[in-house]
Amino acid sequence: NLVRTLIAGGAETALCAANPLSTRDDVA
């Protein structure tokens, strides 16, 4: 939802994981 907010503001947004055990593959 943060990424969606940045995109809504016009940003070109890229994301990587800070912790591999918290990553939700479905969200990615």
PDB file of all heavy atoms in Angstrom:
ATOM      1  N   ASN A   1       0.817  -1.208   0.000  1.00  0.00           N
ATOM      2  CA  ASN A   1       0.000   0.000   0.000  1.00  0.00           C
ATOM      3  C   ASN A   1       0.852   1.261   0.000  1.00  0.00           C
ATOM      4  O   ASN A   1       0.448   2.288  -0.571  1.00  0.00           O
ATOM      5  CB  ASN A   1      -0.964  -0.018   1.183  1.00  0.00           C
ATOM      6  CG  ASN A   1      -2.176  -0.886   0.900  1.00  0.00           C
ATOM      7  OD1 ASN A   1      -3.024  -0.529   0.081  1.00  0.00           O
ATOM      8  ND2 ASN A   1      -2.256  -2.036   1.540  1.00  0.00           N
ATOM      9  N   LEU A   2       2.030   1.211   0.592  1.00  0.00           N
ATOM     10  CA  LEU A   2       2.970   2.327   0.452  1.00  0.00           C
ATOM     11  C   LEU A   2       3.428   2.448  -0.997  1.00  0.00           C
ATOM     12  O   LEU A   2       3.461   3.546  -1.559  1.00  0.00           O
ATOM     13  CB  LEU A   2       4.165   2.129   1.375  1.00  0.00           C
ATOM     14  CG  LEU A   2       5.330   3.113   1.183  1.00  0.00           C
ATOM     15  CD1 LEU A   2       4.887   4.542   1.439  1.00  0.00           C
ATOM     16  CD2 LEU A   2       6.509   2.742   2.075  1.00  0.00           C
ATOM     17  N   VAL A   3       3.781   1.318  -1.612  1.00  0.00           N
ATOM     18  CA  VAL A   3       4.219   1.341  -3.013  1.00  0.00           C
ATOM     19  C   VAL A   3       3.115   1.906  -3.898  1.00  0.00           C
ATOM     20  O   VAL A   3       3.369   2.724  -4.797  1.00  0.00           O
ATOM     21  CB  VAL A   3       4.625  -0.073  -3.465  1.00  0.00           C
ATOM     22  CG1 VAL A   3       4.887  -0.111  -4.968  1.00  0.00           C
ATOM     23  CG2 VAL A   3       5.868  -0.542  -2.701  1.00  0.00           C
ATOM     24  N   ARG A   4       1.878   1.486  -3.671  1.00  0.00           N
ATOM     25  CA  ARG A   4       0.756   2.018  -4.444  1.00  0.00           C
ATOM     26  C   ARG A   4       0.630   3.526  -4.271  1.00  0.00           C
ATOM     27  O   ARG A   4       0.305   4.255  -5.232  1.00  0.00           O
ATOM     28  CB  ARG A   4      -0.546   1.349  -3.998  1.00  0.00           C
ATOM     29  CG  ARG A   4      -0.687  -0.110  -4.392  1.00  0.00           C
ATOM     30  CD  ARG A   4      -1.944  -0.704  -3.792  1.00  0.00           C
ATOM     31  NE  ARG A   4      -3.133  -0.030  -4.290  1.00  0.00           N
ATOM     32  CZ  ARG A   4      -4.343  -0.125  -3.733  1.00  0.00           C
ATOM     33  NH1 ARG A   4      -4.505  -0.851  -2.632  1.00  0.00           N
ATOM     34  NH2 ARG A   4      -5.377   0.503  -4.252  1.00  0.00           N
ATOM     35  N   THR A   5       0.884   4.020  -3.074  1.00  0.00           N
ATOM     36  CA  THR A   5       0.794   5.456  -2.817  1.00  0.00           C
ATOM     37  C   THR A   5       1.864   6.221  -3.580  1.00  0.00           C
ATOM     38  O   THR A   5       1.601   7.273  -4.168  1.00  0.00           O
ATOM     39  CB  THR A   5       0.913   5.720  -1.306  1.00  0.00           C
ATOM     40  OG1 THR A   5      -0.139   5.034  -0.629  1.00  0.00           O
ATOM     41  CG2 THR A   5       0.832   7.198  -0.988  1.00  0.00           C
ATOM     42  N   LEU A   6       3.087   5.683  -3.588  1.00  0.00           N
ATOM     43  CA  LEU A   6       4.170   6.340  -4.322  1.00  0.00           C
ATOM     44  C   LEU A   6       3.892   6.339  -5.822  1.00  0.00           C
ATOM     45  O   LEU A   6       4.128   7.342  -6.516  1.00  0.00           O
ATOM     46  CB  LEU A   6       5.495   5.631  -4.023  1.00  0.00           C
ATOM     47  CG  LEU A   6       5.935   5.620  -2.547  1.00  0.00           C
ATOM     48  CD1 LEU A   6       7.236   4.846  -2.383  1.00  0.00           C
ATOM     49  CD2 LEU A   6       6.069   7.038  -2.003  1.00  0.00           C
ATOM     50  N   ILE A   7       3.368   5.237  -6.326  1.00  0.00           N
ATOM     51  CA  ILE A   7       3.026   5.159  -7.750  1.00  0.00           C
ATOM     52  C   ILE A   7       1.908   6.139  -8.078  1.00  0.00           C
ATOM     53  O   ILE A   7       1.936   6.815  -9.114  1.00  0.00           O
ATOM     54  CB  ILE A   7       2.646   3.716  -8.128  1.00  0.00           C
ATOM     55  CG1 ILE A   7       3.877   2.810  -8.053  1.00  0.00           C
ATOM     56  CG2 ILE A   7       2.028   3.656  -9.518  1.00  0.00           C
ATOM     57  CD1 ILE A   7       3.571   1.336  -8.248  1.00  0.00           C
ATOM     58  N   ALA A   8       0.916   6.257  -7.184  1.00  0.00           N
ATOM     59  CA  ALA A   8      -0.176   7.208  -7.398  1.00  0.00           C
ATOM     60  C   ALA A   8       0.348   8.628  -7.482  1.00  0.00           C
ATOM     61  O   ALA A   8      -0.210   9.469  -8.203  1.00  0.00           O
ATOM     62  CB  ALA A   8      -1.207   7.094  -6.273  1.00  0.00           C
ATOM     63  N   GLY A   9       1.449   8.905  -6.751  1.00  0.00           N
ATOM     64  CA  GLY A   9       2.052  10.228  -6.794  1.00  0.00           C
ATOM     65  C   GLY A   9       2.931  10.465  -7.999  1.00  0.00           C
ATOM     66  O   GLY A   9       3.495  11.551  -8.148  1.00  0.00           O
ATOM     67  N   GLY A  10       3.079   9.441  -8.866  1.00  0.00           N
ATOM     68  CA  GLY A  10       3.846   9.597 -10.097  1.00  0.00           C
ATOM     69  C   GLY A  10       5.220   8.978 -10.076  1.00  0.00           C
ATOM     70  O   GLY A  10       5.955   9.063 -11.063  1.00  0.00           O
ATOM     71  N   ALA A  11       5.609   8.322  -8.970  1.00  0.00           N
ATOM     72  CA  ALA A  11       6.965   7.784  -8.855  1.00  0.00           C
ATOM     73  C   ALA A  11       7.118   6.490  -9.646  1.00  0.00           C
ATOM     74  O   ALA A  11       6.192   5.682  -9.729  1.00  0.00           O
ATOM     75  CB  ALA A  11       7.309   7.526  -7.395  1.00  0.00           C
ATOM     76  N   GLU A  12       8.313   6.305 -10.222  1.00  0.00           N
ATOM     77  CA  GLU A  12       8.714   5.017 -10.787  1.00  0.00           C
ATOM     78  C   GLU A  12       9.320   4.224  -9.639  1.00  0.00           C
ATOM     79  O   GLU A  12      10.390   4.566  -9.141  1.00  0.00           O
ATOM     80  CB  GLU A  12       9.733   5.223 -11.901  1.00  0.00           C
ATOM     81  CG  GLU A  12       9.225   6.081 -13.055  1.00  0.00           C
ATOM     82  CD  GLU A  12      10.331   6.429 -14.036  1.00  0.00           C
ATOM     83  OE1 GLU A  12      11.425   5.816 -13.952  1.00  0.00           O
ATOM     84  OE2 GLU A  12      10.115   7.326 -14.872  1.00  0.00           O
ATOM     85  N   THR A  13       8.646   3.163  -9.199  1.00  0.00           N
ATOM     86  CA  THR A  13       8.966   2.545  -7.919  1.00  0.00           C
ATOM     87  C   THR A  13       9.472   1.114  -8.086  1.00  0.00           C
ATOM     88  O   THR A  13       8.851   0.301  -8.773  1.00  0.00           O
ATOM     89  CB  THR A  13       7.736   2.540  -6.997  1.00  0.00           C
ATOM     90  OG1 THR A  13       7.226   3.874  -6.904  1.00  0.00           O
ATOM     91  CG2 THR A  13       8.095   2.054  -5.605  1.00  0.00           C
ATOM     92  N   ALA A  14      10.606   0.821  -7.432  1.00  0.00           N
ATOM     93  CA  ALA A  14      11.173  -0.531  -7.399  1.00  0.00           C
ATOM     94  C   ALA A  14      11.318  -0.960  -5.942  1.00  0.00           C
ATOM     95  O   ALA A  14      11.602  -0.133  -5.065  1.00  0.00           O
ATOM     96  CB  ALA A  14      12.529  -0.560  -8.097  1.00  0.00           C
ATOM     97  N   LEU A  15      11.140  -2.267  -5.704  1.00  0.00           N
ATOM     98  CA  LEU A  15      11.138  -2.786  -4.335  1.00  0.00           C
ATOM     99  C   LEU A  15      11.931  -4.072  -4.266  1.00  0.00           C
ATOM    100  O   LEU A  15      11.809  -4.936  -5.139  1.00  0.00           O
ATOM    101  CB  LEU A  15       9.689  -3.058  -3.896  1.00  0.00           C
ATOM    102  CG  LEU A  15       9.454  -3.778  -2.562  1.00  0.00           C
ATOM    103  CD1 LEU A  15       9.863  -2.879  -1.389  1.00  0.00           C
ATOM    104  CD2 LEU A  15       7.986  -4.185  -2.434  1.00  0.00           C
ATOM    105  N   CYS A  16      12.764  -4.218  -3.227  1.00  0.00           N
ATOM    106  CA  CYS A  16      13.378  -5.505  -2.905  1.00  0.00           C
ATOM    107  C   CYS A  16      13.128  -5.797  -1.434  1.00  0.00           C
ATOM    108  O   CYS A  16      12.644  -4.942  -0.693  1.00  0.00           O
ATOM    109  CB  CYS A  16      14.867  -5.538  -3.248  1.00  0.00           C
ATOM    110  SG  CYS A  16      15.932  -4.566  -2.159  1.00  0.00           S
ATOM    111  N   ALA A  17      13.450  -7.021  -1.013  1.00  0.00           N
ATOM    112  CA  ALA A  17      13.081  -7.476   0.327  1.00  0.00           C
ATOM    113  C   ALA A  17      14.164  -7.157   1.343  1.00  0.00           C
ATOM    114  O   ALA A  17      15.343  -7.439   1.116  1.00  0.00           O
ATOM    115  CB  ALA A  17      12.817  -8.980   0.316  1.00  0.00           C
ATOM    116  N   ALA A  18      13.751  -6.608   2.489  1.00  0.00           N
ATOM    117  CA  ALA A  18      14.686  -6.372   3.588  1.00  0.00           C
ATOM    118  C   ALA A  18      14.934  -7.634   4.400  1.00  0.00           C
ATOM    119  O   ALA A  18      15.927  -7.725   5.107  1.00  0.00           O
ATOM    120  CB  ALA A  18      14.161  -5.268   4.501  1.00  0.00           C
ATOM    121  N   ASN A  19      14.017  -8.592   4.316  1.00  0.00           N
ATOM    122  CA  ASN A  19      14.148  -9.847   5.054  1.00  0.00           C
ATOM    123  C   ASN A  19      13.487 -10.945   4.238  1.00  0.00           C
ATOM    124  O   ASN A  19      12.288 -10.870   3.957  1.00  0.00           O
ATOM    125  CB  ASN A  19      13.488  -9.726   6.433  1.00  0.00           C
ATOM    126  CG  ASN A  19      13.719 -10.946   7.312  1.00  0.00           C
ATOM    127  OD1 ASN A  19      13.616 -12.078   6.866  1.00  0.00           O
ATOM    128  ND2 ASN A  19      14.025 -10.699   8.580  1.00  0.00           N
ATOM    129  N   PRO A  20      14.228 -11.985   3.840  1.00  0.00           N
ATOM    130  CA  PRO A  20      13.647 -13.015   2.972  1.00  0.00           C
ATOM    131  C   PRO A  20      12.530 -13.812   3.625  1.00  0.00           C
ATOM    132  O   PRO A  20      11.688 -14.389   2.920  1.00  0.00           O
ATOM    133  CB  PRO A  20      14.842 -13.913   2.644  1.00  0.00           C
ATOM    134  CG  PRO A  20      15.827 -13.676   3.744  1.00  0.00           C
ATOM    135  CD  PRO A  20      15.653 -12.238   4.116  1.00  0.00           C
ATOM    136  N   LEU A  21      12.485 -13.859   4.967  1.00  0.00           N
ATOM    137  CA  LEU A  21      11.448 -14.639   5.635  1.00  0.00           C
ATOM    138  C   LEU A  21      10.152 -13.860   5.820  1.00  0.00           C
ATOM    139  O   LEU A  21       9.144 -14.436   6.230  1.00  0.00           O
ATOM    140  CB  LEU A  21      11.958 -15.127   6.990  1.00  0.00           C
ATOM    141  CG  LEU A  21      13.119 -16.124   6.933  1.00  0.00           C
ATOM    142  CD1 LEU A  21      13.502 -16.577   8.334  1.00  0.00           C
ATOM    143  CD2 LEU A  21      12.770 -17.334   6.075  1.00  0.00           C
ATOM    144  N   SER A  22      10.167 -12.569   5.521  1.00  0.00           N
ATOM    145  CA  SER A  22       8.932 -11.790   5.628  1.00  0.00           C
ATOM    146  C   SER A  22       8.270 -11.581   4.272  1.00  0.00           C
ATOM    147  O   SER A  22       7.157 -11.059   4.196  1.00  0.00           O
ATOM    148  CB  SER A  22       9.217 -10.432   6.273  1.00  0.00           C
ATOM    149  OG  SER A  22      10.070  -9.653   5.460  1.00  0.00           O
ATOM    150  N   THR A  23       8.940 -11.969   3.198  1.00  0.00           N
ATOM    151  CA  THR A  23       8.404 -11.734   1.855  1.00  0.00           C
ATOM    152  C   THR A  23       7.154 -12.559   1.601  1.00  0.00           C
ATOM    153  O   THR A  23       7.130 -13.772   1.839  1.00  0.00           O
ATOM    154  CB  THR A  23       9.461 -12.067   0.786  1.00  0.00           C
ATOM    155  OG1 THR A  23      10.564 -11.169   0.936  1.00  0.00           O
ATOM    156  CG2 THR A  23       8.887 -11.924  -0.619  1.00  0.00           C
ATOM    157  N   ARG A  24       6.122 -11.903   1.081  1.00  0.00           N
ATOM    158  CA  ARG A  24       4.914 -12.574   0.624  1.00  0.00           C
ATOM    159  C   ARG A  24       4.993 -12.657  -0.901  1.00  0.00           C
ATOM    160  O   ARG A  24       4.900 -11.647  -1.595  1.00  0.00           O
ATOM    161  CB  ARG A  24       3.673 -11.795   1.038  1.00  0.00           C
ATOM    162  CG  ARG A  24       3.477 -11.627   2.524  1.00  0.00           C
ATOM    163  CD  ARG A  24       3.110 -12.891   3.239  1.00  0.00           C
ATOM    164  NE  ARG A  24       2.086 -13.668   2.565  1.00  0.00           N
ATOM    165  CZ  ARG A  24       1.479 -14.713   3.112  1.00  0.00           C
ATOM    166  NH1 ARG A  24       1.802 -15.086   4.347  1.00  0.00           N
ATOM    167  NH2 ARG A  24       0.569 -15.388   2.442  1.00  0.00           N
ATOM    168  N   ASP A  25       5.172 -13.870  -1.412  1.00  0.00           N
ATOM    169  CA  ASP A  25       5.299 -14.036  -2.853  1.00  0.00           C
ATOM    170  C   ASP A  25       4.038 -13.600  -3.587  1.00  0.00           C
ATOM    171  O   ASP A  25       4.104 -13.098  -4.720  1.00  0.00           O
ATOM    172  CB  ASP A  25       5.619 -15.499  -3.188  1.00  0.00           C
ATOM    173  CG  ASP A  25       7.052 -15.868  -2.823  1.00  0.00           C
ATOM    174  OD1 ASP A  25       7.928 -14.981  -2.867  1.00  0.00           O
ATOM    175  OD2 ASP A  25       7.295 -17.051  -2.499  1.00  0.00           O
ATOM    176  N   ASP A  26       2.879 -13.776  -2.963  1.00  0.00           N
ATOM    177  CA  ASP A  26       1.641 -13.353  -3.623  1.00  0.00           C
ATOM    178  C   ASP A  26       1.563 -11.835  -3.733  1.00  0.00           C
ATOM    179  O   ASP A  26       1.104 -11.294  -4.750  1.00  0.00           O
ATOM    180  CB  ASP A  26       0.414 -13.927  -2.906  1.00  0.00           C
ATOM    181  CG  ASP A  26       0.385 -13.628  -1.415  1.00  0.00           C
ATOM    182  OD1 ASP A  26       1.330 -13.005  -0.892  1.00  0.00           O
ATOM    183  OD2 ASP A  26      -0.611 -14.031  -0.768  1.00  0.00           O
ATOM    184  N   VAL A  27       2.046 -11.122  -2.702  1.00  0.00           N
ATOM    185  CA  VAL A  27       2.061  -9.659  -2.749  1.00  0.00           C
ATOM    186  C   VAL A  27       3.026  -9.167  -3.822  1.00  0.00           C
ATOM    187  O   VAL A  27       2.712  -8.233  -4.581  1.00  0.00           O
ATOM    188  CB  VAL A  27       2.437  -9.089  -1.369  1.00  0.00           C
ATOM    189  CG1 VAL A  27       2.732  -7.597  -1.454  1.00  0.00           C
ATOM    190  CG2 VAL A  27       1.324  -9.352  -0.364  1.00  0.00           C
ATOM    191  N   ALA A  28       4.202  -9.788  -3.904  1.00  0.00           N
ATOM    192  CA  ALA A  28       5.161  -9.413  -4.943  1.00  0.00           C
ATOM    193  C   ALA A  28       4.541  -9.570  -6.327  1.00  0.00           C
ATOM    194  O   ALA A  28       4.693  -8.703  -7.204  1.00  0.00           O
ATOM    195  CB  ALA A  28       6.426 -10.256  -4.821  1.00  0.00           C
TER     196      ALA A  28
END
